């Protein structure tokens, strides 16, 4: 047993340690191959602004379309950007995926938390859409 806890090789290193060696300011259009967890981390940390975070979350959704967290995080970013219709769709998708996972899971604390967070986000996004009259099927200015 070694005295330090640092991994000896990159293969033994956790994914974050390996991807942390990548340059922070990559040239536009040139990206080293990265896993969905690294792309998700980029989306979470806000690296590179909203466009880059959205691209990272889009890639995470595409790489793992059955993970409710991917949709939830993208929905929250959409909500921050004022894209409430897109946010609502992703909140609802996150909720449905978390419900399915919760039904199949014995210990569903994470899925329950994701589901609850998505439900709250969906209500808030729907409320903003209704207030603006952007809700599908609602006449413009109905709540004004």
N, C-alpha and C. Protein backbone atom coordinates (compact mmCIF):
# COMPACT_ATOMS: atom_id res chain seq x y z
N UNK A 1 0.84 -1.18 0.00
CA UNK A 1 0.00 0.00 0.00
C UNK A 1 0.88 1.23 0.00
N UNK A 2 0.62 2.16 -0.87
CA UNK A 2 1.40 3.38 -0.96
C UNK A 2 0.96 4.35 0.12
N UNK A 3 1.84 5.27 0.46
CA UNK A 3 1.54 6.26 1.48
C UNK A 3 0.63 7.38 0.98
N UNK A 4 0.67 7.66 -0.32
CA UNK A 4 -0.20 8.73 -0.84
C UNK A 4 -1.41 8.13 -1.51
N UNK A 5 -2.40 8.93 -1.75
CA UNK A 5 -3.64 8.45 -2.35
C UNK A 5 -3.74 8.76 -3.83
N UNK A 6 -2.72 9.39 -4.41
CA UNK A 6 -2.78 9.76 -5.83
C UNK A 6 -2.68 8.52 -6.69
N UNK A 7 -3.48 8.41 -7.75
CA UNK A 7 -3.40 7.26 -8.66
C UNK A 7 -2.08 7.28 -9.42
N UNK A 8 -1.56 6.08 -9.72
CA UNK A 8 -0.28 5.98 -10.41
C UNK A 8 -0.39 6.27 -11.89
N UNK A 9 -1.51 5.91 -12.51
CA UNK A 9 -1.66 6.10 -13.95
C UNK A 9 -2.98 6.78 -14.24
N UNK A 10 -3.09 7.30 -15.45
CA UNK A 10 -4.34 7.93 -15.86
C UNK A 10 -5.46 6.92 -15.90
N UNK A 11 -5.15 5.65 -16.18
CA UNK A 11 -6.19 4.62 -16.23
C UNK A 11 -6.79 4.38 -14.85
N UNK A 12 -5.97 4.58 -13.78
CA UNK A 12 -6.46 4.39 -12.43
C UNK A 12 -7.15 5.64 -11.89
N UNK A 13 -6.92 6.76 -12.52
CA UNK A 13 -7.46 8.03 -12.04
C UNK A 13 -8.96 8.09 -12.26
N UNK A 14 -9.68 8.76 -11.37
CA UNK A 14 -11.11 8.96 -11.60
C UNK A 14 -11.32 9.81 -12.84
N UNK A 15 -12.50 9.70 -13.50
CA UNK A 15 -12.74 10.44 -14.74
C UNK A 15 -12.50 11.93 -14.63
N UNK A 16 -12.86 12.54 -13.49
CA UNK A 16 -12.65 13.97 -13.34
C UNK A 16 -11.18 14.33 -13.34
N UNK A 17 -10.35 13.48 -12.76
CA UNK A 17 -8.92 13.77 -12.71
C UNK A 17 -8.31 13.71 -14.11
N UNK A 18 -8.76 12.76 -14.92
CA UNK A 18 -8.23 12.64 -16.27
C UNK A 18 -8.67 13.83 -17.11
N UNK A 19 -9.94 14.19 -17.04
CA UNK A 19 -10.42 15.29 -17.87
C UNK A 19 -9.96 16.63 -17.35
N UNK A 20 -9.52 16.71 -16.08
CA UNK A 20 -9.04 17.98 -15.54
C UNK A 20 -7.74 18.40 -16.21
N UNK A 21 -7.04 17.46 -16.84
CA UNK A 21 -5.80 17.77 -17.52
C UNK A 21 -6.03 18.45 -18.87
N UNK A 22 -7.27 18.48 -19.34
CA UNK A 22 -7.57 19.10 -20.62
C UNK A 22 -7.47 20.61 -20.50
N UNK A 23 -7.02 21.29 -21.54
CA UNK A 23 -6.92 22.75 -21.46
C UNK A 23 -8.29 23.38 -21.29
N UNK A 24 -8.35 24.42 -20.46
CA UNK A 24 -9.62 25.08 -20.18
C UNK A 24 -10.10 25.89 -21.36
N UNK A 25 -9.18 26.42 -22.16
CA UNK A 25 -9.57 27.26 -23.28
C UNK A 25 -9.26 26.55 -24.59
N UNK A 26 -10.08 25.55 -24.89
CA UNK A 26 -9.92 24.79 -26.12
C UNK A 26 -10.27 25.66 -27.31
N UNK A 27 -9.55 25.52 -28.44
CA UNK A 27 -9.92 26.28 -29.62
C UNK A 27 -11.32 25.90 -30.09
N UNK A 28 -12.03 26.85 -30.64
CA UNK A 28 -13.39 26.61 -31.12
C UNK A 28 -13.39 25.53 -32.19
N UNK A 29 -14.29 24.58 -32.05
CA UNK A 29 -14.44 23.53 -33.04
C UNK A 29 -13.48 22.36 -32.86
N UNK A 30 -12.55 22.47 -31.92
CA UNK A 30 -11.59 21.39 -31.68
C UNK A 30 -11.77 20.92 -30.25
N UNK A 31 -12.27 19.71 -30.10
CA UNK A 31 -12.47 19.17 -28.77
C UNK A 31 -11.89 17.77 -28.70
N UNK A 32 -11.15 17.48 -27.64
CA UNK A 32 -10.68 16.11 -27.47
C UNK A 32 -11.86 15.21 -27.16
N UNK A 33 -11.75 13.92 -27.42
CA UNK A 33 -12.85 13.02 -27.08
C UNK A 33 -13.10 13.07 -25.58
N UNK A 34 -14.37 13.21 -25.21
CA UNK A 34 -14.72 13.31 -23.80
C UNK A 34 -15.95 12.48 -23.53
N UNK A 35 -16.04 11.98 -22.33
CA UNK A 35 -17.19 11.20 -21.92
C UNK A 35 -18.36 12.09 -21.55
N UNK A 36 -19.53 11.48 -21.42
CA UNK A 36 -20.73 12.25 -21.11
C UNK A 36 -20.65 12.87 -19.72
N UNK A 37 -19.93 12.25 -18.80
CA UNK A 37 -19.81 12.85 -17.48
C UNK A 37 -19.00 14.14 -17.53
N UNK A 38 -17.96 14.17 -18.34
CA UNK A 38 -17.16 15.39 -18.48
C UNK A 38 -17.99 16.49 -19.13
N UNK A 39 -18.79 16.13 -20.14
CA UNK A 39 -19.65 17.12 -20.79
C UNK A 39 -20.72 17.63 -19.83
N UNK A 40 -21.26 16.73 -19.01
CA UNK A 40 -22.25 17.13 -18.03
C UNK A 40 -21.62 18.06 -17.01
N UNK A 41 -20.41 17.75 -16.58
CA UNK A 41 -19.72 18.62 -15.63
C UNK A 41 -19.54 20.02 -16.22
N UNK A 42 -19.21 20.10 -17.50
CA UNK A 42 -19.08 21.41 -18.16
C UNK A 42 -20.41 22.16 -18.09
N UNK A 43 -21.50 21.44 -18.32
CA UNK A 43 -22.81 22.07 -18.27
C UNK A 43 -23.17 22.55 -16.88
N UNK A 44 -22.73 21.81 -15.88
CA UNK A 44 -23.04 22.17 -14.50
C UNK A 44 -22.20 23.34 -13.99
N UNK A 45 -20.97 23.38 -14.40
CA UNK A 45 -20.06 24.38 -13.83
C UNK A 45 -20.16 25.73 -14.51
N UNK A 46 -20.85 25.81 -15.62
CA UNK A 46 -21.00 27.10 -16.28
C UNK A 46 -19.79 27.50 -17.08
N UNK A 47 -18.90 26.58 -17.36
CA UNK A 47 -17.70 26.88 -18.13
C UNK A 47 -18.07 27.33 -19.53
N UNK A 48 -17.61 28.50 -19.94
CA UNK A 48 -17.77 28.95 -21.31
C UNK A 48 -19.09 29.62 -21.64
N UNK A 49 -19.89 29.97 -20.67
CA UNK A 49 -21.13 30.68 -20.94
C UNK A 49 -22.29 29.76 -21.26
N UNK A 50 -23.45 30.37 -21.45
CA UNK A 50 -24.69 29.62 -21.64
C UNK A 50 -24.66 28.74 -22.88
N UNK A 51 -24.10 29.24 -23.98
CA UNK A 51 -24.08 28.44 -25.21
C UNK A 51 -23.27 27.16 -25.02
N UNK A 52 -22.14 27.27 -24.38
CA UNK A 52 -21.31 26.08 -24.16
C UNK A 52 -21.97 25.15 -23.16
N UNK A 53 -22.57 25.71 -22.11
CA UNK A 53 -23.26 24.87 -21.13
C UNK A 53 -24.41 24.13 -21.79
N UNK A 54 -25.17 24.83 -22.65
CA UNK A 54 -26.28 24.19 -23.33
C UNK A 54 -25.78 23.08 -24.26
N UNK A 55 -24.70 23.33 -24.96
CA UNK A 55 -24.13 22.30 -25.84
C UNK A 55 -23.68 21.09 -25.03
N UNK A 56 -23.09 21.33 -23.86
CA UNK A 56 -22.66 20.23 -23.01
C UNK A 56 -23.86 19.42 -22.51
N UNK A 57 -24.92 20.10 -22.13
CA UNK A 57 -26.12 19.40 -21.66
C UNK A 57 -26.84 18.69 -22.80
N UNK A 58 -26.87 19.29 -23.99
CA UNK A 58 -27.44 18.61 -25.16
C UNK A 58 -26.67 17.31 -25.43
N UNK A 59 -25.35 17.38 -25.34
CA UNK A 59 -24.52 16.19 -25.57
C UNK A 59 -24.78 15.14 -24.49
N UNK A 60 -24.96 15.58 -23.24
CA UNK A 60 -25.25 14.64 -22.16
C UNK A 60 -26.60 13.96 -22.38
N UNK A 61 -27.60 14.71 -22.82
CA UNK A 61 -28.92 14.14 -23.11
C UNK A 61 -28.81 13.13 -24.25
N UNK A 62 -28.05 13.50 -25.28
CA UNK A 62 -27.91 12.60 -26.42
C UNK A 62 -27.15 11.34 -26.04
N UNK A 63 -26.13 11.47 -25.19
CA UNK A 63 -25.33 10.32 -24.78
C UNK A 63 -26.08 9.39 -23.83
N UNK A 64 -26.94 9.96 -23.00
CA UNK A 64 -27.65 9.16 -22.02
C UNK A 64 -29.09 9.68 -21.91
N UNK A 65 -29.93 9.35 -22.89
CA UNK A 65 -31.27 9.92 -22.96
C UNK A 65 -32.25 9.41 -21.90
N UNK A 66 -31.86 8.42 -21.12
CA UNK A 66 -32.76 7.91 -20.08
C UNK A 66 -32.40 8.40 -18.69
N UNK A 67 -31.48 9.36 -18.60
CA UNK A 67 -31.08 9.91 -17.31
C UNK A 67 -31.88 11.17 -17.01
N UNK A 68 -32.74 11.13 -16.00
CA UNK A 68 -33.57 12.29 -15.71
C UNK A 68 -32.75 13.54 -15.35
N UNK A 69 -31.60 13.36 -14.74
CA UNK A 69 -30.77 14.51 -14.34
C UNK A 69 -30.35 15.34 -15.55
N UNK A 70 -30.09 14.69 -16.67
CA UNK A 70 -29.69 15.42 -17.87
C UNK A 70 -30.78 16.39 -18.32
N UNK A 71 -32.01 15.92 -18.34
CA UNK A 71 -33.14 16.76 -18.75
C UNK A 71 -33.41 17.85 -17.70
N UNK A 72 -33.31 17.49 -16.44
CA UNK A 72 -33.55 18.46 -15.37
C UNK A 72 -32.56 19.61 -15.45
N UNK A 73 -31.29 19.31 -15.60
CA UNK A 73 -30.28 20.36 -15.65
C UNK A 73 -30.44 21.24 -16.90
N UNK A 74 -30.77 20.61 -18.01
CA UNK A 74 -30.99 21.39 -19.23
C UNK A 74 -32.25 22.25 -19.08
N UNK A 75 -33.28 21.71 -18.45
CA UNK A 75 -34.51 22.48 -18.22
C UNK A 75 -34.22 23.70 -17.35
N UNK A 76 -33.42 23.52 -16.33
CA UNK A 76 -33.08 24.65 -15.45
C UNK A 76 -32.30 25.72 -16.21
N UNK A 77 -31.43 25.30 -17.10
CA UNK A 77 -30.69 26.28 -17.92
C UNK A 77 -31.66 26.99 -18.87
N UNK A 78 -32.54 26.23 -19.52
CA UNK A 78 -33.54 26.85 -20.39
C UNK A 78 -34.36 27.88 -19.61
N UNK A 79 -34.76 27.54 -18.39
CA UNK A 79 -35.54 28.47 -17.58
C UNK A 79 -34.75 29.74 -17.29
N UNK A 80 -33.47 29.60 -16.99
CA UNK A 80 -32.62 30.77 -16.75
C UNK A 80 -32.52 31.65 -17.99
N UNK A 81 -32.55 31.01 -19.16
CA UNK A 81 -32.44 31.75 -20.42
C UNK A 81 -33.79 32.31 -20.89
N UNK A 82 -34.87 32.03 -20.14
CA UNK A 82 -36.19 32.52 -20.52
C UNK A 82 -36.88 31.67 -21.57
N UNK A 83 -36.37 30.50 -21.84
CA UNK A 83 -36.96 29.56 -22.81
C UNK A 83 -37.90 28.62 -22.07
N UNK A 84 -39.02 29.17 -21.60
CA UNK A 84 -39.90 28.41 -20.72
C UNK A 84 -40.60 27.23 -21.39
N UNK A 85 -40.91 27.33 -22.67
CA UNK A 85 -41.55 26.19 -23.36
C UNK A 85 -40.58 25.01 -23.44
N UNK A 86 -39.32 25.30 -23.77
CA UNK A 86 -38.31 24.23 -23.81
C UNK A 86 -38.05 23.70 -22.41
N UNK A 87 -38.02 24.60 -21.43
CA UNK A 87 -37.81 24.19 -20.04
C UNK A 87 -38.94 23.26 -19.59
N UNK A 88 -40.17 23.64 -19.87
CA UNK A 88 -41.32 22.83 -19.46
C UNK A 88 -41.25 21.43 -20.06
N UNK A 89 -40.92 21.34 -21.34
CA UNK A 89 -40.82 20.02 -21.99
C UNK A 89 -39.74 19.16 -21.31
N UNK A 90 -38.59 19.77 -21.00
CA UNK A 90 -37.53 19.00 -20.35
C UNK A 90 -37.87 18.67 -18.90
N UNK A 91 -38.54 19.59 -18.18
CA UNK A 91 -38.97 19.28 -16.81
C UNK A 91 -39.93 18.10 -16.82
N UNK A 92 -40.86 18.10 -17.77
CA UNK A 92 -41.83 17.00 -17.85
C UNK A 92 -41.15 15.69 -18.21
N UNK A 93 -40.17 15.73 -19.11
CA UNK A 93 -39.43 14.52 -19.49
C UNK A 93 -38.63 14.00 -18.29
N UNK A 94 -37.98 14.90 -17.55
CA UNK A 94 -37.23 14.51 -16.35
C UNK A 94 -38.15 13.85 -15.33
N UNK A 95 -39.33 14.44 -15.16
CA UNK A 95 -40.30 13.89 -14.22
C UNK A 95 -40.72 12.48 -14.62
N UNK A 96 -41.02 12.28 -15.89
CA UNK A 96 -41.45 10.96 -16.38
C UNK A 96 -40.34 9.92 -16.22
N UNK A 97 -39.12 10.29 -16.56
CA UNK A 97 -38.01 9.35 -16.42
C UNK A 97 -37.74 9.03 -14.96
N UNK A 98 -37.80 10.03 -14.09
CA UNK A 98 -37.58 9.80 -12.66
C UNK A 98 -38.70 8.93 -12.09
N UNK A 99 -39.94 9.14 -12.53
CA UNK A 99 -41.05 8.30 -12.09
C UNK A 99 -40.82 6.85 -12.47
N UNK A 100 -40.39 6.61 -13.71
CA UNK A 100 -40.13 5.24 -14.17
C UNK A 100 -39.01 4.60 -13.37
N UNK A 101 -37.95 5.35 -13.14
CA UNK A 101 -36.82 4.82 -12.38
C UNK A 101 -37.22 4.57 -10.93
N UNK A 102 -38.03 5.46 -10.39
CA UNK A 102 -38.48 5.31 -9.01
C UNK A 102 -39.34 4.06 -8.84
N UNK A 103 -40.18 3.77 -9.82
CA UNK A 103 -41.04 2.58 -9.76
C UNK A 103 -40.22 1.30 -9.80
N UNK A 104 -39.07 1.34 -10.49
CA UNK A 104 -38.25 0.14 -10.64
C UNK A 104 -37.16 0.04 -9.58
N UNK A 105 -36.99 1.07 -8.78
CA UNK A 105 -35.88 1.15 -7.85
C UNK A 105 -36.36 0.90 -6.43
N UNK A 106 -35.59 0.13 -5.67
CA UNK A 106 -35.94 -0.10 -4.28
C UNK A 106 -35.58 1.11 -3.41
N UNK A 107 -34.46 1.71 -3.73
CA UNK A 107 -33.98 2.84 -2.95
C UNK A 107 -33.94 4.03 -3.86
N UNK A 108 -35.02 4.73 -3.99
CA UNK A 108 -35.13 5.77 -4.99
C UNK A 108 -34.98 7.18 -4.50
N UNK A 109 -34.14 7.43 -3.52
CA UNK A 109 -34.02 8.78 -2.99
C UNK A 109 -33.57 9.79 -4.05
N UNK A 110 -32.61 9.42 -4.86
CA UNK A 110 -32.12 10.34 -5.88
C UNK A 110 -33.20 10.59 -6.92
N UNK A 111 -33.84 9.53 -7.38
CA UNK A 111 -34.90 9.71 -8.36
C UNK A 111 -36.07 10.50 -7.78
N UNK A 112 -36.37 10.31 -6.51
CA UNK A 112 -37.43 11.09 -5.88
C UNK A 112 -37.05 12.56 -5.84
N UNK A 113 -35.81 12.85 -5.51
CA UNK A 113 -35.35 14.25 -5.47
C UNK A 113 -35.39 14.87 -6.86
N UNK A 114 -34.95 14.12 -7.87
CA UNK A 114 -34.99 14.62 -9.24
C UNK A 114 -36.43 14.88 -9.68
N UNK A 115 -37.31 13.94 -9.34
CA UNK A 115 -38.72 14.07 -9.71
C UNK A 115 -39.34 15.30 -9.05
N UNK A 116 -39.07 15.48 -7.76
CA UNK A 116 -39.63 16.63 -7.04
C UNK A 116 -39.10 17.95 -7.60
N UNK A 117 -37.82 18.00 -7.87
CA UNK A 117 -37.22 19.22 -8.43
C UNK A 117 -37.79 19.52 -9.81
N UNK A 118 -37.99 18.48 -10.62
CA UNK A 118 -38.57 18.66 -11.95
C UNK A 118 -40.02 19.11 -11.85
N UNK A 119 -40.76 18.56 -10.90
CA UNK A 119 -42.17 18.95 -10.73
C UNK A 119 -42.29 20.43 -10.36
N UNK A 120 -41.44 20.89 -9.47
CA UNK A 120 -41.46 22.30 -9.07
C UNK A 120 -41.08 23.19 -10.26
N UNK A 121 -40.05 22.78 -10.99
CA UNK A 121 -39.64 23.55 -12.17
C UNK A 121 -40.72 23.60 -13.23
N UNK A 122 -41.43 22.48 -13.42
CA UNK A 122 -42.50 22.44 -14.42
C UNK A 122 -43.64 23.38 -14.05
N UNK A 123 -44.00 23.41 -12.78
CA UNK A 123 -45.07 24.31 -12.33
C UNK A 123 -44.66 25.76 -12.57
N UNK A 124 -43.42 26.09 -12.21
CA UNK A 124 -42.95 27.47 -12.39
C UNK A 124 -42.89 27.86 -13.87
N UNK A 125 -42.38 26.97 -14.72
CA UNK A 125 -42.30 27.26 -16.15
C UNK A 125 -43.70 27.41 -16.75
N UNK A 126 -44.62 26.52 -16.37
CA UNK A 126 -46.00 26.62 -16.88
C UNK A 126 -46.65 27.92 -16.42
N UNK A 127 -46.37 28.32 -15.19
CA UNK A 127 -46.93 29.58 -14.67
C UNK A 127 -46.40 30.77 -15.47
N UNK A 128 -45.10 30.78 -15.77
CA UNK A 128 -44.53 31.88 -16.56
C UNK A 128 -45.11 31.89 -17.97
N UNK A 129 -45.27 30.70 -18.56
CA UNK A 129 -45.85 30.62 -19.90
C UNK A 129 -47.29 31.13 -19.91
N UNK A 130 -48.07 30.73 -18.92
CA UNK A 130 -49.46 31.16 -18.84
C UNK A 130 -49.55 32.68 -18.64
N UNK A 131 -48.66 33.19 -17.83
CA UNK A 131 -48.66 34.63 -17.58
C UNK A 131 -48.36 35.41 -18.85
N UNK A 132 -47.51 34.86 -19.69
CA UNK A 132 -47.18 35.51 -20.96
C UNK A 132 -48.15 35.15 -22.06
N UNK A 133 -49.01 34.17 -21.83
CA UNK A 133 -49.94 33.73 -22.87
C UNK A 133 -49.29 32.83 -23.90
N UNK A 134 -48.14 32.24 -23.56
CA UNK A 134 -47.40 31.38 -24.49
C UNK A 134 -47.77 29.92 -24.38
N UNK A 135 -48.66 29.59 -23.46
CA UNK A 135 -49.02 28.19 -23.26
C UNK A 135 -49.80 27.69 -24.47
N UNK A 136 -49.46 26.51 -24.99
CA UNK A 136 -50.21 25.99 -26.14
C UNK A 136 -51.70 25.92 -25.82
N UNK A 137 -52.49 26.46 -26.71
CA UNK A 137 -53.93 26.41 -26.55
C UNK A 137 -54.51 27.57 -25.77
N UNK A 138 -53.65 28.38 -25.15
CA UNK A 138 -54.16 29.52 -24.39
C UNK A 138 -54.17 30.75 -25.28
N UNK A 139 -55.25 31.53 -25.24
CA UNK A 139 -55.27 32.76 -26.04
C UNK A 139 -54.25 33.75 -25.50
N UNK A 140 -53.64 34.50 -26.38
CA UNK A 140 -52.63 35.48 -25.97
C UNK A 140 -53.25 36.49 -25.04
N UNK A 141 -52.55 36.77 -23.93
CA UNK A 141 -53.01 37.76 -22.98
C UNK A 141 -54.16 37.29 -22.11
N UNK A 142 -54.40 35.98 -22.03
CA UNK A 142 -55.54 35.47 -21.27
C UNK A 142 -55.43 35.74 -19.78
N UNK A 143 -54.19 35.79 -19.23
CA UNK A 143 -54.02 36.00 -17.80
C UNK A 143 -53.66 37.42 -17.45
N UNK A 144 -53.75 38.34 -18.37
CA UNK A 144 -53.37 39.72 -18.08
C UNK A 144 -54.55 40.53 -17.64
